Amino acid sequence: MQIIDVTDRTQAVVFELTNLWEQSVRATHDFLSEQEIAEIKKYVPQALRQVPHLTVATDNSGTPVGFIGTSGSRIEMLFVAPEMRSKGIGKALLQYVSASGNITEVTVNEQNPRAVGFYAHMGFKTYKRTPLDEQGHPYPLLYMRLS
């Protein structure tokens, strides 16, 4: 595995990471409908282009297997290919960005228990809960901070 900071967010890179996002979401966000996934997917390329710091983990052939996007001290996105889950990709990405910055906060869907468990395992604790997501949908969010 190789971890690289992405500075040139070409159309091909954004397309590849959007596909990885979709695969990951389908494996972990079973509370979302097909229509909701399709609607959210429309905004993923823009988010990938706009997040201030984007880091990708690739396999030995250079294929992306995970990525993390951060802004200041916040994790804005962290997604891992379904077949690579539980293999240390998320942990490696989080440790990489933490080494080069002060990452202390993340917001996660409460209905994604593996993500909640991952962040708790990495030392994050919930300090706030909202019953709705940022778009007003009934998907509770947990705001977590390193303790």
C-alpha atoms as a PDB file:
ATOM      1  CA  MET A   1       0.000   0.000   0.000  1.00  0.00           C
ATOM      2  CA  GLN A   2       1.094   3.526  -0.771  1.00  0.00           C
ATOM      3  CA  ILE A   3      -0.387   6.706   0.713  1.00  0.00           C
ATOM      4  CA  ILE A   4      -0.189   9.878  -1.349  1.00  0.00           C
ATOM      5  CA  ASP A   5      -1.463  13.431  -1.079  1.00  0.00           C
ATOM      6  CA  VAL A   6      -3.508  14.315  -4.142  1.00  0.00           C
ATOM      7  CA  THR A   7      -2.792  17.778  -5.458  1.00  0.00           C
ATOM      8  CA  ASP A   8      -3.867  17.309  -9.086  1.00  0.00           C
ATOM      9  CA  ARG A   9      -7.543  16.390  -8.922  1.00  0.00           C
ATOM     10  CA  THR A  10      -8.026  15.435 -12.526  1.00  0.00           C
ATOM     11  CA  GLN A  11     -11.341  14.287 -13.924  1.00  0.00           C
ATOM     12  CA  ALA A  12     -10.014  10.711 -13.947  1.00  0.00           C
ATOM     13  CA  VAL A  13      -8.992  10.852 -10.267  1.00  0.00           C
ATOM     14  CA  VAL A  14     -12.324  12.365  -9.228  1.00  0.00           C
ATOM     15  CA  PHE A  15     -14.207   9.747 -11.269  1.00  0.00           C
ATOM     16  CA  GLU A  16     -12.231   6.885  -9.700  1.00  0.00           C
ATOM     17  CA  LEU A  17     -12.693   8.207  -6.156  1.00  0.00           C
ATOM     18  CA  THR A  18     -16.402   8.838  -6.739  1.00  0.00           C
ATOM     19  CA  ASN A  19     -16.782   5.189  -7.750  1.00  0.00           C
ATOM     20  CA  LEU A  20     -14.857   4.094  -4.660  1.00  0.00           C
ATOM     21  CA  TRP A  21     -17.140   6.333  -2.560  1.00  0.00           C
ATOM     22  CA  GLU A  22     -20.218   4.669  -4.043  1.00  0.00           C
ATOM     23  CA  GLN A  23     -18.911   1.147  -3.428  1.00  0.00           C
ATOM     24  CA  SER A  24     -18.070   2.047   0.159  1.00  0.00           C
ATOM     25  CA  VAL A  25     -21.422   3.713   0.808  1.00  0.00           C
ATOM     26  CA  ARG A  26     -23.333   0.746  -0.606  1.00  0.00           C
ATOM     27  CA  ALA A  27     -21.418  -1.538   1.777  1.00  0.00           C
ATOM     28  CA  THR A  28     -21.807   0.611   4.900  1.00  0.00           C
ATOM     29  CA  HIS A  29     -24.827   2.898   4.565  1.00  0.00           C
ATOM     30  CA  ASP A  30     -27.679   0.401   4.298  1.00  0.00           C
ATOM     31  CA  PHE A  31     -30.032   3.010   5.747  1.00  0.00           C
ATOM     32  CA  LEU A  32     -29.870   5.017   2.499  1.00  0.00           C
ATOM     33  CA  SER A  33     -32.217   4.294  -0.399  1.00  0.00           C
ATOM     34  CA  GLU A  34     -31.029   3.944  -3.992  1.00  0.00           C
ATOM     35  CA  GLN A  35     -32.518   7.357  -4.735  1.00  0.00           C
ATOM     36  CA  GLU A  36     -30.665   8.937  -1.803  1.00  0.00           C
ATOM     37  CA  ILE A  37     -27.346   7.413  -2.853  1.00  0.00           C
ATOM     38  CA  ALA A  38     -27.862   8.693  -6.407  1.00  0.00           C
ATOM     39  CA  GLU A  39     -28.743  12.157  -5.109  1.00  0.00           C
ATOM     40  CA  ILE A  40     -25.726  12.370  -2.791  1.00  0.00           C
ATOM     41  CA  LYS A  41     -23.423  11.019  -5.508  1.00  0.00           C
ATOM     42  CA  LYS A  42     -24.138  14.126  -7.592  1.00  0.00           C
ATOM     43  CA  TYR A  43     -22.260  16.207  -4.998  1.00  0.00           C
ATOM     44  CA  VAL A  44     -19.305  13.885  -4.401  1.00  0.00           C
ATOM     45  CA  PRO A  45     -17.134  15.137  -7.309  1.00  0.00           C
ATOM     46  CA  GLN A  46     -17.498  18.718  -6.097  1.00  0.00           C
ATOM     47  CA  ALA A  47     -16.655  17.686  -2.524  1.00  0.00           C
ATOM     48  CA  LEU A  48     -13.570  15.817  -3.753  1.00  0.00           C
ATOM     49  CA  ARG A  49     -12.397  18.870  -5.682  1.00  0.00           C
ATOM     50  CA  GLN A  50     -13.066  21.303  -2.847  1.00  0.00           C
ATOM     51  CA  VAL A  51     -11.853  19.506   0.268  1.00  0.00           C
ATOM     52  CA  PRO A  52      -8.616  21.287   1.234  1.00  0.00           C
ATOM     53  CA  HIS A  53      -6.515  18.161   1.846  1.00  0.00           C
ATOM     54  CA  LEU A  54      -7.136  14.882  -0.013  1.00  0.00           C
ATOM     55  CA  THR A  55      -5.083  11.767   0.639  1.00  0.00           C
ATOM     56  CA  VAL A  56      -5.433   8.428  -1.155  1.00  0.00           C
ATOM     57  CA  ALA A  57      -4.269   4.926  -0.285  1.00  0.00           C
ATOM     58  CA  THR A  58      -3.457   2.767  -3.306  1.00  0.00           C
ATOM     59  CA  ASP A  59      -2.728  -0.916  -3.699  1.00  0.00           C
ATOM     60  CA  ASN A  60       0.461  -2.216  -5.320  1.00  0.00           C
ATOM     61  CA  SER A  61      -0.968  -1.632  -8.801  1.00  0.00           C
ATOM     62  CA  GLY A  62      -1.773   2.022  -8.028  1.00  0.00           C
ATOM     63  CA  THR A  63      -5.528   1.498  -7.734  1.00  0.00           C
ATOM     64  CA  PRO A  64      -7.150   3.616  -5.004  1.00  0.00           C
ATOM     65  CA  VAL A  65      -8.431   1.492  -2.101  1.00  0.00           C
ATOM     66  CA  GLY A  66      -9.321   4.319   0.272  1.00  0.00           C
ATOM     67  CA  PHE A  67      -9.236   8.066   0.719  1.00  0.00           C
ATOM     68  CA  ILE A  68      -9.536  10.697   3.400  1.00  0.00           C
ATOM     69  CA  GLY A  69     -10.359  14.367   3.035  1.00  0.00           C
ATOM     70  CA  THR A  70      -9.647  16.894   5.758  1.00  0.00           C
ATOM     71  CA  SER A  71     -10.239  20.568   6.405  1.00  0.00           C
ATOM     72  CA  GLY A  72      -8.300  22.119   9.248  1.00  0.00           C
ATOM     73  CA  SER A  73      -8.732  19.809  12.227  1.00  0.00           C
ATOM     74  CA  ARG A  74     -11.781  17.979  10.789  1.00  0.00           C
ATOM     75  CA  ILE A  75     -12.097  14.760   8.871  1.00  0.00           C
ATOM     76  CA  GLU A  76     -14.609  15.595   6.142  1.00  0.00           C
ATOM     77  CA  MET A  77     -14.635  12.186   4.455  1.00  0.00           C
ATOM     78  CA  LEU A  78     -13.071   8.763   4.895  1.00  0.00           C
ATOM     79  CA  PHE A  79     -14.029   5.883   2.618  1.00  0.00           C
ATOM     80  CA  VAL A  80     -12.448   2.482   2.030  1.00  0.00           C
ATOM     81  CA  ALA A  81     -13.189  -0.037  -0.713  1.00  0.00           C
ATOM     82  CA  PRO A  82     -15.473  -2.767   0.686  1.00  0.00           C
ATOM     83  CA  GLU A  83     -13.000  -5.566  -0.040  1.00  0.00           C
ATOM     84  CA  MET A  84     -10.279  -3.677   1.849  1.00  0.00           C
ATOM     85  CA  ARG A  85     -12.230  -2.998   5.043  1.00  0.00           C
ATOM     86  CA  SER A  86     -10.695  -4.249   8.289  1.00  0.00           C
ATOM     87  CA  LYS A  87      -7.224  -4.360   6.702  1.00  0.00           C
ATOM     88  CA  GLY A  88      -5.824  -1.203   8.289  1.00  0.00           C
ATOM     89  CA  ILE A  89      -6.462   1.183   5.372  1.00  0.00           C
ATOM     90  CA  GLY A  90      -8.638   3.611   7.346  1.00  0.00           C
ATOM     91  CA  LYS A  91      -6.254   3.537  10.289  1.00  0.00           C
ATOM     92  CA  ALA A  92      -3.248   4.147   8.028  1.00  0.00           C
ATOM     93  CA  LEU A  93      -4.983   7.084   6.339  1.00  0.00           C
ATOM     94  CA  LEU A  94      -6.018   8.603   9.666  1.00  0.00           C
ATOM     95  CA  GLN A  95      -2.534   8.198  11.122  1.00  0.00           C
ATOM     96  CA  TYR A  96      -0.982   9.714   7.998  1.00  0.00           C
ATOM     97  CA  VAL A  97      -3.079  12.884   8.094  1.00  0.00           C
ATOM     98  CA  SER A  98      -2.750  13.114  11.873  1.00  0.00           C
ATOM     99  CA  ALA A  99       1.038  13.117  11.570  1.00  0.00           C
ATOM    100  CA  SER A 100       0.947  16.149   9.279  1.00  0.00           C
ATOM    101  CA  GLY A 101      -1.835  18.051  11.017  1.00  0.00           C
ATOM    102  CA  ASN A 102      -3.911  18.336  14.137  1.00  0.00           C
ATOM    103  CA  ILE A 103      -6.916  16.135  13.297  1.00  0.00           C
ATOM    104  CA  THR A 104      -9.314  16.220  16.237  1.00  0.00           C
ATOM    105  CA  GLU A 105     -12.914  16.055  14.966  1.00  0.00           C
ATOM    106  CA  VAL A 106     -15.219  14.021  12.768  1.00  0.00           C
ATOM    107  CA  THR A 107     -18.957  13.759  12.121  1.00  0.00           C
ATOM    108  CA  VAL A 108     -20.337  10.295  11.464  1.00  0.00           C
ATOM    109  CA  ASN A 109     -23.740   8.749  10.771  1.00  0.00           C
ATOM    110  CA  GLU A 110     -24.983   7.045  13.917  1.00  0.00           C
ATOM    111  CA  GLN A 111     -26.546   4.369  11.666  1.00  0.00           C
ATOM    112  CA  ASN A 112     -23.072   3.350  10.455  1.00  0.00           C
ATOM    113  CA  PRO A 113     -21.961   1.385  13.546  1.00  0.00           C
ATOM    114  CA  ARG A 114     -18.675   0.178  12.037  1.00  0.00           C
ATOM    115  CA  ALA A 115     -17.600   3.777  11.393  1.00  0.00           C
ATOM    116  CA  VAL A 116     -18.661   4.828  14.883  1.00  0.00           C
ATOM    117  CA  GLY A 117     -16.722   1.885  16.314  1.00  0.00           C
ATOM    118  CA  PHE A 118     -13.677   2.677  14.189  1.00  0.00           C
ATOM    119  CA  TYR A 119     -13.505   6.270  15.374  1.00  0.00           C
ATOM    120  CA  ALA A 120     -14.111   5.224  18.996  1.00  0.00           C
ATOM    121  CA  HIS A 121     -11.279   2.698  18.661  1.00  0.00           C
ATOM    122  CA  MET A 122      -9.058   5.494  17.331  1.00  0.00           C
ATOM    123  CA  GLY A 123      -9.769   7.599  20.430  1.00  0.00           C
ATOM    124  CA  PHE A 124     -12.700   9.766  19.334  1.00  0.00           C
ATOM    125  CA  LYS A 125     -15.585  10.334  21.744  1.00  0.00           C
ATOM    126  CA  THR A 126     -19.070  11.641  20.962  1.00  0.00           C
ATOM    127  CA  TYR A 127     -19.695  15.142  22.271  1.00  0.00           C
ATOM    128  CA  LYS A 128     -22.891  15.972  20.384  1.00  0.00           C
ATOM    129  CA  ARG A 129     -25.726  14.166  18.604  1.00  0.00           C
ATOM    130  CA  THR A 130     -28.284  15.555  16.187  1.00  0.00           C
ATOM    131  CA  PRO A 131     -31.450  13.679  15.172  1.00  0.00           C
ATOM    132  CA  LEU A 132     -31.171  14.880  11.563  1.00  0.00           C
ATOM    133  CA  ASP A 133     -28.305  14.983   9.084  1.00  0.00           C
ATOM    134  CA  GLU A 134     -27.092  18.231   7.534  1.00  0.00           C
ATOM    135  CA  GLN A 135     -29.718  17.995   4.764  1.00  0.00           C
ATOM    136  CA  GLY A 136     -32.540  17.576   7.281  1.00  0.00           C
ATOM    137  CA  HIS A 137     -33.014  13.836   6.722  1.00  0.00           C
ATOM    138  CA  PRO A 138     -33.776  11.535   9.681  1.00  0.00           C
ATOM    139  CA  TYR A 139     -30.238  10.157   9.898  1.00  0.00           C
ATOM    140  CA  PRO A 140     -28.738  11.022  13.288  1.00  0.00           C
ATOM    141  CA  LEU A 141     -25.226  12.408  13.285  1.00  0.00           C
ATOM    142  CA  LEU A 142     -22.608  11.943  15.955  1.00  0.00           C
ATOM    143  CA  TYR A 143     -20.036  14.674  16.394  1.00  0.00           C
ATOM    144  CA  MET A 144     -16.870  13.107  17.736  1.00  0.00           C
ATOM    145  CA  ARG A 145     -13.667  14.611  19.065  1.00  0.00           C
ATOM    146  CA  LEU A 146     -10.347  13.133  20.110  1.00  0.00           C
ATOM    147  CA  SER A 147     -10.199  12.983  23.881  1.00  0.00           C
END
